[in-house]
N, C-alpha and C. Protein backbone atom coordinates (compact mmCIF):
# COMPACT_ATOMS: atom_id res chain seq x y z
N UNK A 1 60.85 -85.71 17.53
CA UNK A 1 60.50 -85.81 16.14
C UNK A 1 59.12 -85.17 15.92
N UNK A 2 59.04 -84.29 14.93
CA UNK A 2 57.80 -83.58 14.62
C UNK A 2 56.96 -84.42 13.68
N UNK A 3 55.67 -84.50 13.97
CA UNK A 3 54.75 -85.26 13.11
C UNK A 3 54.60 -84.55 11.76
N UNK A 4 54.44 -85.34 10.72
CA UNK A 4 54.23 -84.78 9.38
C UNK A 4 52.80 -84.26 9.31
N UNK A 5 52.62 -82.99 8.95
CA UNK A 5 51.30 -82.39 8.84
C UNK A 5 50.86 -82.36 7.38
N UNK A 6 49.60 -82.68 7.16
CA UNK A 6 49.04 -82.68 5.82
C UNK A 6 47.91 -81.66 5.77
N UNK A 7 47.91 -80.76 4.79
CA UNK A 7 46.84 -79.78 4.70
C UNK A 7 45.47 -80.45 4.52
N UNK A 8 44.43 -79.81 5.05
CA UNK A 8 43.07 -80.33 4.88
C UNK A 8 42.67 -80.19 3.42
N UNK A 9 41.68 -80.96 3.01
CA UNK A 9 41.16 -80.90 1.65
C UNK A 9 40.46 -79.56 1.41
N UNK A 10 40.54 -79.07 0.18
CA UNK A 10 39.94 -77.78 -0.17
C UNK A 10 38.45 -77.75 0.14
N UNK A 11 37.73 -78.83 -0.16
CA UNK A 11 36.28 -78.86 0.12
C UNK A 11 35.99 -78.74 1.61
N UNK A 12 36.78 -79.41 2.43
CA UNK A 12 36.59 -79.34 3.88
C UNK A 12 36.87 -77.91 4.38
N UNK A 13 37.90 -77.31 3.84
CA UNK A 13 38.26 -75.93 4.20
C UNK A 13 37.13 -74.97 3.82
N UNK A 14 36.62 -75.09 2.59
CA UNK A 14 35.52 -74.22 2.14
C UNK A 14 34.29 -74.39 3.02
N UNK A 15 33.96 -75.64 3.36
CA UNK A 15 32.77 -75.90 4.18
C UNK A 15 32.88 -75.23 5.54
N UNK A 16 34.04 -75.28 6.15
CA UNK A 16 34.24 -74.60 7.43
C UNK A 16 33.93 -73.11 7.31
N UNK A 17 34.50 -72.46 6.29
CA UNK A 17 34.33 -71.02 6.17
C UNK A 17 32.96 -70.61 5.64
N UNK A 18 32.21 -71.52 5.06
CA UNK A 18 30.82 -71.22 4.71
C UNK A 18 29.98 -71.02 5.96
N UNK A 19 30.40 -71.64 7.05
CA UNK A 19 29.66 -71.55 8.33
C UNK A 19 30.24 -70.47 9.23
N UNK A 20 31.16 -69.66 8.70
CA UNK A 20 31.77 -68.57 9.45
C UNK A 20 31.26 -67.25 8.85
N UNK A 21 30.37 -66.52 9.55
CA UNK A 21 29.80 -65.31 8.97
C UNK A 21 30.85 -64.22 8.76
N UNK A 22 30.65 -63.47 7.70
CA UNK A 22 31.56 -62.36 7.40
C UNK A 22 30.80 -61.15 6.92
N UNK A 23 31.27 -59.97 7.32
CA UNK A 23 30.69 -58.72 6.84
C UNK A 23 30.99 -58.58 5.36
N UNK A 24 30.03 -58.07 4.60
CA UNK A 24 30.18 -57.95 3.16
C UNK A 24 30.60 -56.53 2.80
N UNK A 25 31.66 -56.46 1.99
CA UNK A 25 32.18 -55.18 1.53
C UNK A 25 32.36 -55.22 0.01
N UNK A 26 32.47 -54.06 -0.56
CA UNK A 26 32.90 -53.93 -1.95
C UNK A 26 34.24 -53.21 -1.91
N UNK A 27 35.24 -53.82 -2.52
CA UNK A 27 36.55 -53.19 -2.61
C UNK A 27 36.68 -52.63 -4.01
N UNK A 28 36.95 -51.35 -4.10
CA UNK A 28 37.03 -50.69 -5.39
C UNK A 28 38.34 -49.94 -5.57
N UNK A 29 38.74 -49.80 -6.82
CA UNK A 29 39.95 -49.06 -7.16
C UNK A 29 39.82 -48.55 -8.59
N UNK A 30 40.62 -47.57 -8.89
CA UNK A 30 40.73 -47.09 -10.27
C UNK A 30 42.09 -47.52 -10.79
N UNK A 31 42.08 -48.25 -11.90
CA UNK A 31 43.33 -48.73 -12.50
C UNK A 31 44.13 -47.57 -13.07
N UNK A 32 45.39 -47.81 -13.34
CA UNK A 32 46.27 -46.78 -13.88
C UNK A 32 45.74 -46.22 -15.20
N UNK A 33 45.03 -47.05 -15.97
CA UNK A 33 44.48 -46.58 -17.25
C UNK A 33 43.13 -45.90 -17.09
N UNK A 34 42.66 -45.74 -15.83
CA UNK A 34 41.40 -45.07 -15.55
C UNK A 34 40.21 -46.00 -15.43
N UNK A 35 40.37 -47.27 -15.79
CA UNK A 35 39.26 -48.22 -15.69
C UNK A 35 38.95 -48.51 -14.22
N UNK A 36 37.66 -48.71 -13.94
CA UNK A 36 37.23 -49.04 -12.58
C UNK A 36 37.31 -50.54 -12.35
N UNK A 37 37.65 -50.92 -11.14
CA UNK A 37 37.65 -52.32 -10.73
C UNK A 37 36.98 -52.40 -9.37
N UNK A 38 36.25 -53.48 -9.15
CA UNK A 38 35.61 -53.67 -7.86
C UNK A 38 35.14 -55.10 -7.72
N UNK A 39 35.13 -55.57 -6.47
CA UNK A 39 34.69 -56.93 -6.21
C UNK A 39 34.12 -57.04 -4.81
N UNK A 40 33.26 -58.05 -4.62
CA UNK A 40 32.67 -58.33 -3.32
C UNK A 40 33.67 -59.10 -2.48
N UNK A 41 33.78 -58.72 -1.21
CA UNK A 41 34.73 -59.38 -0.32
C UNK A 41 34.14 -59.55 1.07
N UNK A 42 34.46 -60.68 1.69
CA UNK A 42 34.14 -60.89 3.10
C UNK A 42 35.43 -61.08 3.90
N UNK A 43 36.56 -60.74 3.29
CA UNK A 43 37.84 -61.00 3.93
C UNK A 43 38.49 -59.79 4.59
N UNK A 44 37.82 -58.63 4.60
CA UNK A 44 38.43 -57.43 5.19
C UNK A 44 38.55 -57.61 6.70
N UNK A 45 39.76 -57.35 7.21
CA UNK A 45 39.99 -57.43 8.65
C UNK A 45 40.74 -56.19 9.13
N UNK A 46 40.55 -55.87 10.39
CA UNK A 46 41.32 -54.85 11.06
C UNK A 46 42.62 -55.50 11.51
N UNK A 47 43.75 -54.89 11.19
CA UNK A 47 45.05 -55.46 11.55
C UNK A 47 45.68 -54.71 12.71
N UNK A 48 45.60 -53.40 12.69
CA UNK A 48 46.27 -52.58 13.70
C UNK A 48 45.53 -51.25 13.83
N UNK A 49 45.47 -50.72 15.05
CA UNK A 49 44.87 -49.40 15.26
C UNK A 49 45.92 -48.30 15.15
N UNK A 50 47.17 -48.62 15.45
CA UNK A 50 48.24 -47.62 15.40
C UNK A 50 49.48 -48.25 14.79
N UNK A 51 49.74 -48.05 13.52
CA UNK A 51 48.96 -47.28 12.56
C UNK A 51 47.68 -48.03 12.16
N UNK A 52 46.69 -47.30 11.65
CA UNK A 52 45.42 -47.95 11.27
C UNK A 52 45.58 -48.76 9.99
N UNK A 53 45.64 -50.09 10.14
CA UNK A 53 45.85 -50.98 9.00
C UNK A 53 44.69 -51.96 8.84
N UNK A 54 44.35 -52.22 7.59
CA UNK A 54 43.40 -53.28 7.24
C UNK A 54 44.12 -54.27 6.34
N UNK A 55 43.50 -55.42 6.13
CA UNK A 55 44.00 -56.39 5.16
C UNK A 55 42.80 -57.07 4.52
N UNK A 56 43.02 -57.56 3.31
CA UNK A 56 42.01 -58.36 2.61
C UNK A 56 42.74 -59.22 1.60
N UNK A 57 42.04 -60.23 1.11
CA UNK A 57 42.64 -61.09 0.09
C UNK A 57 41.90 -60.92 -1.23
N UNK A 58 42.64 -61.16 -2.30
CA UNK A 58 42.07 -61.12 -3.64
C UNK A 58 42.73 -62.24 -4.44
N UNK A 59 41.92 -63.02 -5.12
CA UNK A 59 42.44 -64.10 -5.96
C UNK A 59 43.17 -63.50 -7.16
N UNK A 60 44.30 -64.09 -7.49
CA UNK A 60 45.06 -63.59 -8.64
C UNK A 60 44.39 -63.94 -9.96
N UNK A 61 43.36 -64.76 -9.92
CA UNK A 61 42.57 -65.08 -11.11
C UNK A 61 41.39 -64.13 -11.28
N UNK A 62 41.16 -63.26 -10.30
CA UNK A 62 40.05 -62.31 -10.34
C UNK A 62 40.28 -61.27 -11.43
N UNK A 63 39.19 -60.86 -12.08
CA UNK A 63 39.30 -59.80 -13.09
C UNK A 63 39.72 -58.47 -12.46
N UNK A 64 39.54 -58.33 -11.16
CA UNK A 64 39.94 -57.11 -10.45
C UNK A 64 41.41 -57.11 -10.05
N UNK A 65 42.05 -58.27 -10.07
CA UNK A 65 43.42 -58.37 -9.61
C UNK A 65 44.39 -57.41 -10.32
N UNK A 66 44.39 -57.30 -11.66
CA UNK A 66 45.35 -56.39 -12.28
C UNK A 66 45.25 -54.95 -11.76
N UNK A 67 44.03 -54.47 -11.55
CA UNK A 67 43.87 -53.10 -11.03
C UNK A 67 44.35 -53.00 -9.59
N UNK A 68 44.03 -53.99 -8.76
CA UNK A 68 44.48 -53.97 -7.37
C UNK A 68 46.00 -54.11 -7.31
N UNK A 69 46.55 -54.94 -8.17
CA UNK A 69 48.01 -55.13 -8.23
C UNK A 69 48.72 -53.80 -8.51
N UNK A 70 48.14 -52.98 -9.39
CA UNK A 70 48.79 -51.75 -9.82
C UNK A 70 48.33 -50.50 -9.07
N UNK A 71 47.28 -50.62 -8.26
CA UNK A 71 46.72 -49.45 -7.57
C UNK A 71 47.60 -49.00 -6.40
N UNK A 72 47.53 -47.73 -6.10
CA UNK A 72 48.18 -47.18 -4.90
C UNK A 72 47.24 -47.24 -3.70
N UNK A 73 45.94 -47.21 -3.99
CA UNK A 73 44.96 -47.17 -2.90
C UNK A 73 43.68 -47.89 -3.30
N UNK A 74 42.85 -48.17 -2.30
CA UNK A 74 41.55 -48.79 -2.50
C UNK A 74 40.51 -48.08 -1.65
N UNK A 75 39.26 -48.28 -2.01
CA UNK A 75 38.14 -47.83 -1.19
C UNK A 75 37.36 -49.07 -0.79
N UNK A 76 37.04 -49.19 0.49
CA UNK A 76 36.26 -50.32 0.99
C UNK A 76 34.91 -49.78 1.44
N UNK A 77 33.84 -50.23 0.78
CA UNK A 77 32.47 -49.84 1.14
C UNK A 77 31.84 -50.97 1.94
N UNK A 78 31.37 -50.66 3.15
CA UNK A 78 30.74 -51.64 4.03
C UNK A 78 29.24 -51.62 3.75
N UNK A 79 28.71 -52.72 3.21
CA UNK A 79 27.33 -52.75 2.74
C UNK A 79 26.32 -52.90 3.87
N UNK A 80 25.13 -52.37 3.61
CA UNK A 80 24.01 -52.54 4.54
C UNK A 80 23.22 -53.77 4.16
N UNK A 81 22.36 -54.22 5.04
CA UNK A 81 21.54 -55.41 4.80
C UNK A 81 20.64 -55.26 3.58
N UNK A 82 20.36 -54.03 3.16
CA UNK A 82 19.52 -53.78 1.99
C UNK A 82 20.30 -53.81 0.68
N UNK A 83 21.59 -54.06 0.72
CA UNK A 83 22.41 -53.97 -0.49
C UNK A 83 22.89 -55.33 -1.02
N UNK A 84 22.13 -56.38 -0.77
CA UNK A 84 22.51 -57.71 -1.26
C UNK A 84 22.59 -57.73 -2.78
N UNK A 85 21.75 -56.96 -3.46
CA UNK A 85 21.79 -56.93 -4.93
C UNK A 85 23.12 -56.38 -5.43
N UNK A 86 23.67 -55.40 -4.74
CA UNK A 86 24.97 -54.84 -5.13
C UNK A 86 26.07 -55.87 -4.87
N UNK A 87 26.00 -56.55 -3.73
CA UNK A 87 26.99 -57.59 -3.43
C UNK A 87 26.96 -58.68 -4.49
N UNK A 88 25.76 -59.08 -4.92
CA UNK A 88 25.62 -60.10 -5.95
C UNK A 88 26.22 -59.62 -7.27
N UNK A 89 25.92 -58.39 -7.65
CA UNK A 89 26.44 -57.84 -8.91
C UNK A 89 27.96 -57.80 -8.91
N UNK A 90 28.58 -57.35 -7.81
CA UNK A 90 30.03 -57.23 -7.77
C UNK A 90 30.74 -58.57 -7.58
N UNK A 91 29.96 -59.63 -7.33
CA UNK A 91 30.53 -60.97 -7.24
C UNK A 91 30.44 -61.71 -8.58
N UNK A 92 29.72 -61.14 -9.55
CA UNK A 92 29.52 -61.79 -10.85
C UNK A 92 30.77 -61.64 -11.72
N UNK A 93 30.93 -62.59 -12.61
CA UNK A 93 32.05 -62.58 -13.55
C UNK A 93 31.56 -62.17 -14.94
N UNK A 94 32.41 -61.51 -15.69
CA UNK A 94 32.12 -61.23 -17.08
C UNK A 94 31.13 -60.11 -17.34
N UNK A 95 30.90 -59.23 -16.35
CA UNK A 95 29.99 -58.11 -16.56
C UNK A 95 30.70 -56.82 -16.16
N UNK A 96 30.13 -55.69 -16.60
CA UNK A 96 30.59 -54.39 -16.12
C UNK A 96 29.85 -54.13 -14.81
N UNK A 97 30.51 -54.32 -13.71
CA UNK A 97 29.89 -54.22 -12.38
C UNK A 97 29.42 -52.80 -12.05
N UNK A 98 29.95 -51.81 -12.76
CA UNK A 98 29.61 -50.42 -12.49
C UNK A 98 28.50 -49.88 -13.39
N UNK A 99 28.10 -50.64 -14.40
CA UNK A 99 27.15 -50.17 -15.41
C UNK A 99 25.79 -49.79 -14.84
N UNK A 100 25.33 -50.50 -13.81
CA UNK A 100 23.98 -50.26 -13.27
C UNK A 100 23.93 -49.13 -12.26
N UNK A 101 25.04 -48.47 -11.98
CA UNK A 101 25.05 -47.35 -11.04
C UNK A 101 25.11 -47.82 -9.60
N UNK A 102 24.68 -46.92 -8.70
CA UNK A 102 24.73 -47.21 -7.28
C UNK A 102 26.08 -46.90 -6.65
N UNK A 103 26.90 -46.14 -7.36
CA UNK A 103 28.22 -45.77 -6.87
C UNK A 103 28.52 -44.35 -7.36
N UNK A 104 29.58 -43.77 -6.78
CA UNK A 104 30.05 -42.47 -7.24
C UNK A 104 31.56 -42.43 -7.11
N UNK A 105 32.18 -41.50 -7.80
CA UNK A 105 33.63 -41.33 -7.71
C UNK A 105 33.97 -40.35 -6.60
N UNK A 106 34.99 -40.70 -5.84
CA UNK A 106 35.55 -39.76 -4.87
C UNK A 106 36.45 -38.78 -5.62
N UNK A 107 36.94 -37.76 -4.96
CA UNK A 107 37.82 -36.80 -5.62
C UNK A 107 39.09 -37.48 -6.13
N UNK A 108 39.45 -38.62 -5.55
CA UNK A 108 40.61 -39.39 -6.00
C UNK A 108 40.32 -40.17 -7.28
N UNK A 109 39.04 -40.26 -7.66
CA UNK A 109 38.64 -41.06 -8.81
C UNK A 109 38.23 -42.47 -8.44
N UNK A 110 38.46 -42.87 -7.19
CA UNK A 110 38.12 -44.21 -6.75
C UNK A 110 36.62 -44.33 -6.52
N UNK A 111 36.05 -45.52 -6.81
CA UNK A 111 34.61 -45.70 -6.67
C UNK A 111 34.19 -46.08 -5.24
N UNK A 112 33.11 -45.46 -4.77
CA UNK A 112 32.53 -45.79 -3.47
C UNK A 112 31.05 -46.12 -3.71
N UNK A 113 30.54 -47.08 -2.97
CA UNK A 113 29.14 -47.49 -3.12
C UNK A 113 28.24 -46.49 -2.38
N UNK A 114 27.24 -46.00 -3.09
CA UNK A 114 26.29 -45.06 -2.49
C UNK A 114 25.46 -45.77 -1.43
N UNK A 115 25.13 -45.06 -0.38
CA UNK A 115 24.29 -45.54 0.72
C UNK A 115 24.88 -46.71 1.48
N UNK A 116 26.19 -46.92 1.35
CA UNK A 116 26.86 -47.94 2.17
C UNK A 116 26.80 -47.50 3.63
N UNK A 117 26.91 -48.45 4.54
CA UNK A 117 26.90 -48.11 5.97
C UNK A 117 28.09 -47.21 6.31
N UNK A 118 29.22 -47.47 5.67
CA UNK A 118 30.43 -46.68 5.88
C UNK A 118 31.40 -47.02 4.75
N UNK A 119 32.42 -46.22 4.63
CA UNK A 119 33.49 -46.54 3.70
C UNK A 119 34.79 -45.99 4.23
N UNK A 120 35.87 -46.58 3.74
CA UNK A 120 37.20 -46.09 4.10
C UNK A 120 38.08 -46.08 2.86
N UNK A 121 39.05 -45.22 2.89
CA UNK A 121 40.05 -45.15 1.83
C UNK A 121 41.37 -45.53 2.46
N UNK A 122 42.13 -46.38 1.78
CA UNK A 122 43.38 -46.87 2.34
C UNK A 122 44.47 -46.94 1.27
N UNK A 123 45.68 -46.58 1.67
CA UNK A 123 46.85 -46.65 0.80
C UNK A 123 47.48 -48.02 0.94
N UNK A 124 47.67 -48.72 -0.16
CA UNK A 124 48.25 -50.07 -0.12
C UNK A 124 49.71 -49.98 0.28
N UNK A 125 50.09 -50.75 1.30
CA UNK A 125 51.47 -50.74 1.79
C UNK A 125 52.19 -52.06 1.53
N UNK A 126 51.44 -53.16 1.37
CA UNK A 126 52.07 -54.46 1.13
C UNK A 126 51.15 -55.34 0.28
N UNK A 127 51.78 -56.15 -0.55
CA UNK A 127 51.11 -57.21 -1.31
C UNK A 127 51.91 -58.47 -1.03
N UNK A 128 51.25 -59.47 -0.45
CA UNK A 128 51.95 -60.68 -0.01
C UNK A 128 51.37 -61.89 -0.74
N UNK A 129 52.24 -62.69 -1.37
CA UNK A 129 51.80 -63.93 -1.98
C UNK A 129 51.17 -64.82 -0.92
N UNK A 130 49.98 -65.36 -1.20
CA UNK A 130 49.28 -66.23 -0.26
C UNK A 130 48.52 -67.29 -1.05
N UNK A 131 49.23 -68.33 -1.46
CA UNK A 131 48.61 -69.39 -2.25
C UNK A 131 48.15 -68.84 -3.58
N UNK A 132 46.88 -69.07 -3.93
CA UNK A 132 46.33 -68.59 -5.19
C UNK A 132 45.80 -67.16 -5.08
N UNK A 133 46.07 -66.52 -3.96
CA UNK A 133 45.61 -65.16 -3.71
C UNK A 133 46.77 -64.26 -3.32
N UNK A 134 46.44 -63.00 -3.17
CA UNK A 134 47.36 -62.01 -2.61
C UNK A 134 46.70 -61.44 -1.37
N UNK A 135 47.48 -61.27 -0.33
CA UNK A 135 47.01 -60.60 0.87
C UNK A 135 47.45 -59.15 0.73
N UNK A 136 46.50 -58.25 0.78
CA UNK A 136 46.76 -56.83 0.61
C UNK A 136 46.66 -56.17 1.99
N UNK A 137 47.69 -55.43 2.36
CA UNK A 137 47.70 -54.66 3.60
C UNK A 137 47.66 -53.19 3.21
N UNK A 138 46.82 -52.41 3.87
CA UNK A 138 46.66 -51.01 3.50
C UNK A 138 46.45 -50.15 4.75
N UNK A 139 47.00 -48.93 4.70
CA UNK A 139 46.87 -47.98 5.80
C UNK A 139 45.67 -47.06 5.53
N UNK A 140 44.78 -46.98 6.49
CA UNK A 140 43.54 -46.21 6.36
C UNK A 140 43.84 -44.73 6.61
N UNK A 141 43.40 -43.87 5.68
CA UNK A 141 43.60 -42.44 5.88
C UNK A 141 42.32 -41.63 5.80
N UNK A 142 41.19 -42.27 5.51
CA UNK A 142 39.90 -41.57 5.54
C UNK A 142 38.81 -42.57 5.86
N UNK A 143 37.86 -42.14 6.68
CA UNK A 143 36.69 -42.96 7.03
C UNK A 143 35.46 -42.06 6.95
N UNK A 144 34.38 -42.61 6.42
CA UNK A 144 33.12 -41.89 6.41
C UNK A 144 32.02 -42.87 6.79
N UNK A 145 31.35 -42.61 7.90
CA UNK A 145 30.21 -43.43 8.33
C UNK A 145 28.96 -42.74 7.80
N UNK A 146 28.41 -43.26 6.72
CA UNK A 146 27.30 -42.61 6.04
C UNK A 146 25.96 -42.88 6.72
N UNK A 147 25.72 -44.13 7.10
CA UNK A 147 24.45 -44.50 7.73
C UNK A 147 24.77 -45.35 8.95
N UNK A 148 25.08 -44.70 10.04
CA UNK A 148 25.57 -45.39 11.23
C UNK A 148 24.60 -46.40 11.81
N UNK A 149 23.30 -46.21 11.63
CA UNK A 149 22.33 -47.12 12.26
C UNK A 149 21.92 -48.28 11.37
N UNK A 150 22.45 -48.37 10.17
CA UNK A 150 22.05 -49.42 9.24
C UNK A 150 22.59 -50.78 9.67
N UNK A 151 21.77 -51.82 9.51
CA UNK A 151 22.22 -53.18 9.79
C UNK A 151 23.20 -53.61 8.71
N UNK A 152 24.27 -54.30 9.07
CA UNK A 152 25.25 -54.73 8.07
C UNK A 152 24.75 -55.92 7.26
N UNK A 153 25.28 -56.04 6.05
CA UNK A 153 25.04 -57.23 5.24
C UNK A 153 26.07 -58.27 5.64
N UNK A 154 25.61 -59.50 5.87
CA UNK A 154 26.48 -60.59 6.31
C UNK A 154 26.35 -61.74 5.32
N UNK A 155 27.47 -62.40 5.05
CA UNK A 155 27.46 -63.59 4.21
C UNK A 155 27.65 -64.79 5.11
N UNK A 156 26.71 -65.73 5.06
CA UNK A 156 26.74 -66.90 5.92
C UNK A 156 26.08 -68.07 5.21
N UNK A 157 26.74 -69.20 5.20
CA UNK A 157 26.20 -70.43 4.62
C UNK A 157 25.69 -70.21 3.19
N UNK A 158 26.54 -69.57 2.38
CA UNK A 158 26.30 -69.33 0.96
C UNK A 158 25.15 -68.38 0.65
N UNK A 159 24.80 -67.49 1.58
CA UNK A 159 23.71 -66.55 1.33
C UNK A 159 23.98 -65.23 2.03
N UNK A 160 23.47 -64.14 1.43
CA UNK A 160 23.52 -62.83 2.08
C UNK A 160 22.39 -62.77 3.09
N UNK A 161 22.70 -62.27 4.29
CA UNK A 161 21.72 -62.25 5.37
C UNK A 161 21.83 -60.97 6.20
N UNK A 162 20.79 -60.76 6.99
CA UNK A 162 20.78 -59.70 7.99
C UNK A 162 21.21 -60.33 9.31
N UNK A 163 21.75 -59.55 10.23
CA UNK A 163 22.09 -60.12 11.54
C UNK A 163 20.86 -60.77 12.18
N UNK A 164 21.02 -61.95 12.72
CA UNK A 164 19.94 -62.66 13.39
C UNK A 164 19.07 -63.51 12.47
N UNK A 165 19.37 -63.53 11.16
CA UNK A 165 18.55 -64.30 10.20
C UNK A 165 18.82 -65.80 10.23
N UNK A 166 19.80 -66.26 10.96
CA UNK A 166 20.09 -67.69 10.93
C UNK A 166 19.98 -68.30 12.30
């Protein structure tokens, strides 16, 4: 007989992951109507090297969700430790995250963050229902390491940090 399992409380789950450091990225896309969408994420993971796949999650309540839902591809910008202000801006609700600059359009029209440590472009291959979010799987077809020696921006215990700051 299998024991009945009960999910942990949401607060307990959040507290665990607040203590789990994550690299900070900006995920950007251009919607079908040409509007830009972008959000701060610490959920980007490497899934496979052959084929080169990444995954990330996006809440279906996010203002960026409609664009990600309809996009064919995304650009993931890996932020440097000096870009906490950009991470904060792209995590805010109810603002035009692109209004203050600090980004440029690729030839595809997708937005990439200027002076990011690196960025990649990926074609979305799967969208999977995952609770209140969607898990997005995408195949990487371009990588650019802009500033290879830059320290990454890390999110840990509710704050943006540099490696070794905690």
